[in-house]
Amino acid sequence: MASALRSVSSAASALVTGVLLLAAIAGCSTTPDPAQRECQKETAPLEFLVCGHRLVVIEQINPDTVFLYVDERTLALEWDESQAGYVSLPAGTAFVPGSSGGKLVFEGEELPECYPTKPLQLPFRATGNEPPWRLDITHGEMILITEYGQRLRRFAEPVSKAGTDGSVYFYAKENGTRLEVVVTPAICIDTMTGMPYPYHVQTLSQKTLSGCGGEPESLLRGVEWQVTHLKGDPLSRGIQMTLQFTEEGLVRGTAGCNTYMGTFRLTGERMLISDLATTKMACDPETMAQEQLFLSLLIDAYRFFVTGDGELELFTASGPILRAVPGSDRSHRSR
């Protein structure tokens, strides 16, 4: 039973590669007693999932008990063999683990399929504006650059901890100055370029700084996007269009009738899709017309955005041109 929950995502149990976020403390009680909660947080593995636009954290207490954290609520769930999942008392909340996520009914509301979040990787970079600053976090140090590049401070051997809201907290002290960094998985828009990033970052030292972190490309990759609208109009029934963005800088998928492939890259300010090539099949006129529109819109794409509900939107300089939702092959949250 415990292995069923652990199979949700082995990757999600560690938010920072190579860094043990939760240290085991010998003798900690596994009884779900509030008095023992702090001890349990130090030992229990945390599973970070996304169900639609909600971040859900599951904490294993013992083989039959989990704590569920969602919408600032904490619920205790017990294993129910008849449902092959964990349920709450009184009834209303249930979590059924799956091979790559699971299904959650939260207080009577059935949420979209749950998927593991993409782990936070080191090295990690964050930047901000007004005034400009940059932060680099590696396994051995944090480097904070401020005052328009004129001041560089190094903080050795940062300590990291995970919060039950999915955030990662970093702490370090150097020459009497303490630096705290909070990295939160949430869509963050760069105030200068409009580019979306997967993390909101706040540094707390002598002055609080706020900005964005992570790689914008990670919001696009690992998902088979199913197109739902072109220029505000829904696709005709039966027509399927998809987008997949790969680690090699390719974009590919189905254009309605033919398959296609091209290249994509993100500059500091915009998205560029080019070099599109397709197969040469012929379909009915309506499908071919929508295919040509789709391919021309991809070439014109200027920027992108991922909504709180996990939908992808592409824009030209003048407005929205395409909307898509995660397909069944989605492997992590877009934020």
Protein backbone atom coordinates (compact mmCIF):
# COMPACT_ATOMS: atom_id res chain seq x y z
CA MET A 1 0.00 0.00 0.00
CA ALA A 2 2.78 2.41 0.82
CA SER A 3 4.53 1.41 -2.39
CA ALA A 4 1.39 2.35 -4.31
CA LEU A 5 1.70 5.92 -3.10
CA ARG A 6 5.43 6.04 -3.64
CA SER A 7 4.89 4.98 -7.25
CA VAL A 8 3.10 8.29 -7.88
CA SER A 9 6.45 9.86 -8.66
CA SER A 10 9.91 8.91 -7.47
CA ALA A 11 11.19 12.17 -8.97
CA ALA A 12 8.79 14.40 -7.05
CA SER A 13 9.98 13.17 -3.65
CA ALA A 14 13.20 15.21 -4.09
CA LEU A 15 12.79 18.84 -5.11
CA VAL A 16 16.48 19.56 -5.47
CA THR A 17 18.76 17.09 -7.25
CA GLY A 18 21.49 15.77 -5.00
CA VAL A 19 20.24 17.65 -1.92
CA LEU A 20 18.46 15.79 0.87
CA LEU A 21 15.69 18.16 1.90
CA LEU A 22 14.19 16.10 4.70
CA ALA A 23 16.55 14.43 7.18
CA ALA A 24 15.44 11.38 9.19
CA ILE A 25 15.28 11.79 12.95
CA ALA A 26 15.45 8.56 14.93
CA GLY A 27 12.59 7.83 17.28
CA CYS A 28 9.99 10.04 15.60
CA SER A 29 6.47 8.78 16.20
CA THR A 30 4.38 7.81 13.15
CA THR A 31 1.10 8.39 14.98
CA PRO A 32 -0.85 11.20 13.27
CA ASP A 33 -0.86 13.24 16.47
CA PRO A 34 -0.64 17.06 16.01
CA ALA A 35 1.97 17.14 18.77
CA GLN A 36 4.21 14.98 16.59
CA ARG A 37 3.58 16.90 13.36
CA GLU A 38 6.89 18.78 13.31
CA CYS A 39 8.81 15.55 13.80
CA GLN A 40 6.81 13.85 11.08
CA LYS A 41 7.59 16.64 8.63
CA GLU A 42 11.29 15.91 9.04
CA THR A 43 10.94 12.20 8.14
CA ALA A 44 7.93 11.71 5.88
CA PRO A 45 8.47 11.78 2.09
CA LEU A 46 6.53 14.50 0.32
CA GLU A 47 4.85 13.98 -3.05
CA PHE A 48 4.25 17.21 -5.00
CA LEU A 49 1.46 16.91 -7.57
CA VAL A 50 -0.53 19.28 -9.73
CA CYS A 51 -4.25 18.60 -10.24
CA GLY A 52 -5.51 21.13 -12.77
CA HIS A 53 -4.39 24.49 -11.38
CA ARG A 54 -4.04 23.23 -7.80
CA LEU A 55 -0.76 22.27 -6.15
CA VAL A 56 -1.29 19.22 -3.94
CA VAL A 57 1.22 17.87 -1.41
CA ILE A 58 0.89 14.36 0.01
CA GLU A 59 2.86 13.35 3.11
CA GLN A 60 3.23 9.65 3.97
CA ILE A 61 2.81 9.14 7.73
CA ASN A 62 2.64 5.35 7.86
CA PRO A 63 1.64 2.61 5.37
CA ASP A 64 -2.06 3.34 5.94
CA THR A 65 -2.12 7.10 6.61
CA VAL A 66 -1.28 10.22 4.60
CA PHE A 67 -1.69 13.93 5.19
CA LEU A 68 -3.08 15.92 2.26
CA TYR A 69 -2.23 19.63 1.86
CA VAL A 70 -4.30 21.63 -0.64
CA ASP A 71 -5.73 25.17 -0.63
CA GLU A 72 -4.14 25.79 2.79
CA ARG A 73 -6.13 22.86 4.18
CA THR A 74 -4.66 19.81 5.91
CA LEU A 75 -6.59 16.53 5.88
CA ALA A 76 -5.73 13.08 7.24
CA LEU A 77 -6.61 10.23 4.86
CA GLU A 78 -6.68 6.50 5.65
CA TRP A 79 -6.18 3.61 3.23
CA ASP A 80 -9.41 1.99 2.03
CA GLU A 81 -8.85 -1.39 0.39
CA SER A 82 -12.25 -1.36 -1.29
CA GLN A 83 -11.43 1.88 -3.13
CA ALA A 84 -7.73 1.12 -3.64
CA GLY A 85 -7.00 4.59 -2.34
CA TYR A 86 -6.90 6.91 0.65
CA VAL A 87 -10.14 8.43 1.97
CA SER A 88 -11.06 10.99 4.61
CA LEU A 89 -13.45 10.77 7.52
CA PRO A 90 -15.99 12.23 7.24
CA ALA A 91 -16.24 11.27 3.59
CA GLY A 92 -15.70 13.81 0.82
CA THR A 93 -11.99 13.59 -0.01
CA ALA A 94 -10.25 10.61 -1.64
CA PHE A 95 -6.94 10.07 -3.42
CA VAL A 96 -6.35 7.06 -5.68
CA PRO A 97 -2.64 6.74 -6.65
CA GLY A 98 -1.73 5.97 -10.24
CA SER A 99 1.38 4.99 -12.14
CA SER A 100 2.15 8.62 -13.10
CA GLY A 101 -0.01 10.68 -10.75
CA GLY A 102 -3.45 9.85 -9.48
CA LYS A 103 -7.04 11.00 -9.09
CA LEU A 104 -8.19 13.34 -6.32
CA VAL A 105 -11.68 14.17 -5.13
CA PHE A 106 -11.27 17.13 -2.78
CA GLU A 107 -14.21 17.89 -0.50
CA GLY A 108 -16.64 16.53 -3.08
CA GLU A 109 -15.00 18.19 -6.10
CA GLU A 110 -13.38 15.86 -8.64
CA LEU A 111 -10.15 17.54 -9.74
CA PRO A 112 -8.41 16.99 -13.10
CA GLU A 113 -5.87 14.18 -13.37
CA CYS A 114 -2.93 14.74 -11.02
CA TYR A 115 0.64 14.82 -12.33
CA PRO A 116 3.99 15.12 -10.52
CA THR A 117 5.62 18.52 -10.61
CA LYS A 118 8.94 18.92 -12.38
CA PRO A 119 11.72 18.80 -9.75
CA LEU A 120 13.72 21.94 -9.09
CA GLN A 121 17.15 21.46 -10.63
CA LEU A 122 20.51 22.88 -9.60
CA PRO A 123 22.21 25.02 -10.76
CA PHE A 124 19.31 27.45 -10.55
CA ARG A 125 19.20 31.09 -11.67
CA ALA A 126 16.79 33.87 -10.75
CA THR A 127 16.68 37.49 -11.88
CA GLY A 128 14.70 40.60 -11.09
CA ASN A 129 14.27 44.21 -12.13
CA GLU A 130 13.93 47.68 -10.61
CA PRO A 131 16.71 47.50 -9.50
CA PRO A 132 18.23 44.63 -11.51
CA TRP A 133 19.65 41.68 -9.59
CA ARG A 134 20.71 38.07 -10.21
CA LEU A 135 20.95 35.01 -7.98
CA ASP A 136 22.74 31.74 -8.80
CA ILE A 137 22.30 28.68 -6.59
CA THR A 138 24.59 25.67 -6.93
CA HIS A 139 25.17 22.69 -4.65
CA GLY A 140 27.95 24.57 -2.87
CA GLU A 141 27.01 28.24 -2.76
CA MET A 142 24.61 31.06 -3.53
CA ILE A 143 25.88 34.11 -5.43
CA LEU A 144 23.83 37.31 -5.26
CA ILE A 145 24.67 40.17 -7.63
CA THR A 146 23.07 43.57 -6.98
CA GLU A 147 23.65 47.31 -7.46
CA TYR A 148 23.71 47.07 -11.27
CA GLY A 149 26.41 44.39 -11.18
CA GLN A 150 28.70 46.34 -8.86
CA ARG A 151 28.19 44.17 -5.75
CA LEU A 152 28.73 40.42 -5.63
CA ARG A 153 28.19 38.39 -2.45
CA ARG A 154 28.93 34.68 -1.99
CA PHE A 155 27.13 32.54 0.57
CA ALA A 156 28.74 29.13 1.03
CA GLU A 157 27.02 25.80 1.76
CA PRO A 158 23.37 26.82 1.71
CA VAL A 159 20.90 24.70 3.65
CA SER A 160 17.65 23.81 1.89
CA LYS A 161 14.25 22.70 3.15
CA ALA A 162 10.93 21.94 1.47
CA GLY A 163 7.66 23.55 2.48
CA THR A 164 4.30 21.82 2.23
CA ASP A 165 3.18 24.46 -0.30
CA GLY A 166 5.78 23.17 -2.77
CA SER A 167 8.25 25.97 -2.08
CA VAL A 168 11.94 25.36 -1.48
CA TYR A 169 13.71 27.47 1.16
CA PHE A 170 17.46 28.15 1.03
CA TYR A 171 19.47 29.60 3.94
CA ALA A 172 23.12 30.67 4.18
CA LYS A 173 25.25 33.08 6.21
CA GLU A 174 28.47 34.81 5.22
CA ASN A 175 30.44 37.44 7.17
CA GLY A 176 27.55 38.04 9.53
CA THR A 177 24.98 38.53 6.73
CA ARG A 178 22.18 35.98 6.40
CA LEU A 179 20.55 35.30 3.04
CA GLU A 180 17.18 33.55 2.78
CA VAL A 181 15.68 32.57 -0.56
CA VAL A 182 12.16 31.29 -1.21
CA VAL A 183 11.56 29.51 -4.54
CA THR A 184 7.86 28.95 -5.21
CA PRO A 185 6.44 26.97 -8.15
CA ALA A 186 4.14 29.59 -9.70
CA ILE A 187 4.02 31.34 -13.06
CA CYS A 188 6.13 34.48 -12.83
CA ILE A 189 6.14 37.14 -15.55
CA ASP A 190 9.33 39.11 -16.11
CA THR A 191 8.37 42.77 -15.72
CA MET A 192 10.71 43.92 -18.49
CA THR A 193 10.21 41.30 -21.21
CA GLY A 194 6.84 39.68 -20.44
CA MET A 195 8.49 36.22 -20.61
CA PRO A 196 6.86 33.63 -18.28
CA TYR A 197 9.05 31.65 -15.87
CA PRO A 198 8.16 28.56 -13.80
CA TYR A 199 9.17 29.95 -10.39
CA HIS A 200 8.61 33.05 -8.31
CA VAL A 201 11.71 33.88 -6.27
CA GLN A 202 12.13 36.15 -3.28
CA THR A 203 15.40 36.92 -1.52
CA LEU A 204 15.42 38.12 2.07
CA SER A 205 18.61 39.79 3.25
CA GLN A 206 19.31 43.43 3.97
CA LYS A 207 16.69 44.17 1.32
CA THR A 208 13.82 42.08 -0.04
CA LEU A 209 14.09 41.36 -3.77
CA SER A 210 11.43 39.68 -5.92
CA GLY A 211 11.82 38.16 -9.35
CA CYS A 212 11.54 35.06 -11.53
CA GLY A 213 13.58 31.88 -11.81
CA GLY A 214 14.04 28.66 -13.72
CA GLU A 215 13.95 28.07 -17.47
CA PRO A 216 10.93 29.29 -19.47
CA GLU A 217 11.38 26.31 -21.84
CA SER A 218 10.44 23.94 -19.01
CA LEU A 219 6.88 25.30 -19.16
CA LEU A 220 6.60 24.00 -22.74
CA ARG A 221 8.46 20.70 -22.63
CA GLY A 222 7.28 17.31 -21.41
CA VAL A 223 3.71 17.95 -22.59
CA GLU A 224 1.77 16.96 -25.68
CA TRP A 225 -0.36 20.07 -26.16
CA GLN A 226 -3.79 19.55 -27.77
CA VAL A 227 -4.87 22.64 -29.71
CA THR A 228 -8.43 23.77 -28.93
CA HIS A 229 -8.69 27.23 -30.58
CA LEU A 230 -7.15 29.11 -33.50
CA LYS A 231 -7.54 32.91 -33.48
CA GLY A 232 -10.29 32.58 -30.87
CA ASP A 233 -12.36 30.01 -32.79
CA PRO A 234 -12.63 26.36 -31.68
CA LEU A 235 -11.30 23.68 -33.99
CA SER A 236 -13.86 21.92 -36.15
CA ARG A 237 -15.08 18.62 -34.74
CA GLY A 238 -12.80 15.70 -35.56
CA ILE A 239 -9.71 17.79 -36.38
CA GLN A 240 -6.70 17.13 -34.16
CA MET A 241 -3.70 19.42 -33.83
CA THR A 242 -0.85 18.94 -31.39
CA LEU A 243 2.41 20.57 -30.30
CA GLN A 244 5.41 19.02 -28.60
CA PHE A 245 8.51 21.03 -27.67
CA THR A 246 11.63 18.88 -27.26
CA GLU A 247 14.90 19.25 -25.37
CA GLU A 248 16.68 19.39 -28.73
CA GLY A 249 14.88 22.60 -29.69
CA LEU A 250 12.34 20.99 -32.00
CA VAL A 251 8.60 21.56 -32.25
CA ARG A 252 6.54 18.79 -33.80
CA GLY A 253 3.10 17.23 -33.90
CA THR A 254 -0.04 16.80 -35.97
CA ALA A 255 -1.30 19.73 -38.03
CA GLY A 256 -4.77 18.36 -38.73
CA CYS A 257 -4.02 16.24 -41.77
CA ASN A 258 -0.22 16.05 -41.91
CA THR A 259 2.51 15.73 -39.34
CA TYR A 260 5.05 18.54 -39.08
CA MET A 261 8.40 19.39 -37.56
CA GLY A 262 10.34 22.60 -37.08
CA THR A 263 12.67 24.41 -34.71
CA PHE A 264 11.94 26.70 -31.81
CA ARG A 265 13.92 28.84 -29.43
CA LEU A 266 13.29 31.46 -26.81
CA THR A 267 15.30 34.66 -26.77
CA GLY A 268 15.29 36.99 -23.80
CA GLU A 269 12.05 38.55 -25.03
CA ARG A 270 10.28 36.32 -27.54
CA MET A 271 9.55 32.91 -29.05
CA LEU A 272 10.81 31.97 -32.52
CA ILE A 273 9.37 29.03 -34.51
CA SER A 274 10.86 28.39 -37.95
CA ASP A 275 11.89 25.82 -40.58
CA LEU A 276 8.54 24.01 -40.55
CA ALA A 277 8.27 20.95 -42.80
CA THR A 278 5.27 18.65 -43.22
CA THR A 279 4.27 15.40 -44.84
CA LYS A 280 2.30 15.70 -48.09
CA MET A 281 -1.02 13.98 -47.46
CA ALA A 282 -4.27 15.48 -48.76
CA CYS A 283 -7.48 15.70 -46.71
CA ASP A 284 -10.86 17.37 -47.07
CA PRO A 285 -10.85 21.13 -47.83
CA GLU A 286 -11.93 22.23 -44.33
CA THR A 287 -9.16 20.24 -42.65
CA MET A 288 -6.56 21.51 -45.11
CA ALA A 289 -7.69 25.12 -44.59
CA GLN A 290 -7.35 24.84 -40.81
CA GLU A 291 -3.99 23.12 -41.22
CA GLN A 292 -2.63 25.96 -43.33
CA LEU A 293 -3.92 28.49 -40.81
CA PHE A 294 -2.33 26.58 -37.93
CA LEU A 295 1.08 26.37 -39.61
CA SER A 296 1.05 30.05 -40.57
CA LEU A 297 0.16 31.03 -37.01
CA LEU A 298 3.05 28.99 -35.62
CA ILE A 299 5.48 30.90 -37.84
CA ASP A 300 3.99 34.19 -36.58
CA ALA A 301 4.13 33.24 -32.88
CA TYR A 302 5.92 35.94 -30.91
CA ARG A 303 5.42 34.95 -27.25
CA PHE A 304 3.65 32.40 -25.07
CA PHE A 305 1.88 32.15 -21.74
CA VAL A 306 0.76 29.28 -19.52
CA THR A 307 -2.37 30.03 -17.51
CA GLY A 308 -3.12 29.05 -13.92
CA ASP A 309 -5.30 26.25 -15.32
CA GLY A 310 -2.33 24.88 -17.25
CA GLU A 311 -3.43 26.02 -20.72
CA LEU A 312 -0.92 27.18 -23.31
CA GLU A 313 -1.55 30.39 -25.23
CA LEU A 314 0.52 31.68 -28.17
CA PHE A 315 0.50 35.33 -29.22
CA THR A 316 1.69 37.51 -32.06
CA ALA A 317 2.73 41.07 -31.32
CA SER A 318 -0.90 42.08 -31.83
CA GLY A 319 -2.80 39.44 -29.86
CA PRO A 320 -3.64 35.77 -29.10
CA ILE A 321 -3.56 33.27 -31.95
CA LEU A 322 -3.69 29.79 -30.40
CA ARG A 323 -4.87 28.00 -27.29
CA ALA A 324 -4.00 24.43 -26.24
CA VAL A 325 -4.48 22.13 -23.26
CA PRO A 326 -2.24 19.34 -21.92
CA GLY A 327 -2.91 15.99 -23.57
CA SER A 328 -2.74 12.52 -22.07
CA ASP A 329 1.06 12.43 -22.39
CA ARG A 330 1.61 15.29 -20.03
CA SER A 331 4.43 14.48 -17.58
CA HIS A 332 4.67 17.62 -15.45
CA ARG A 333 2.97 20.89 -14.60
CA SER A 334 3.30 23.90 -16.79
CA ARG A 335 3.54 27.10 -14.39
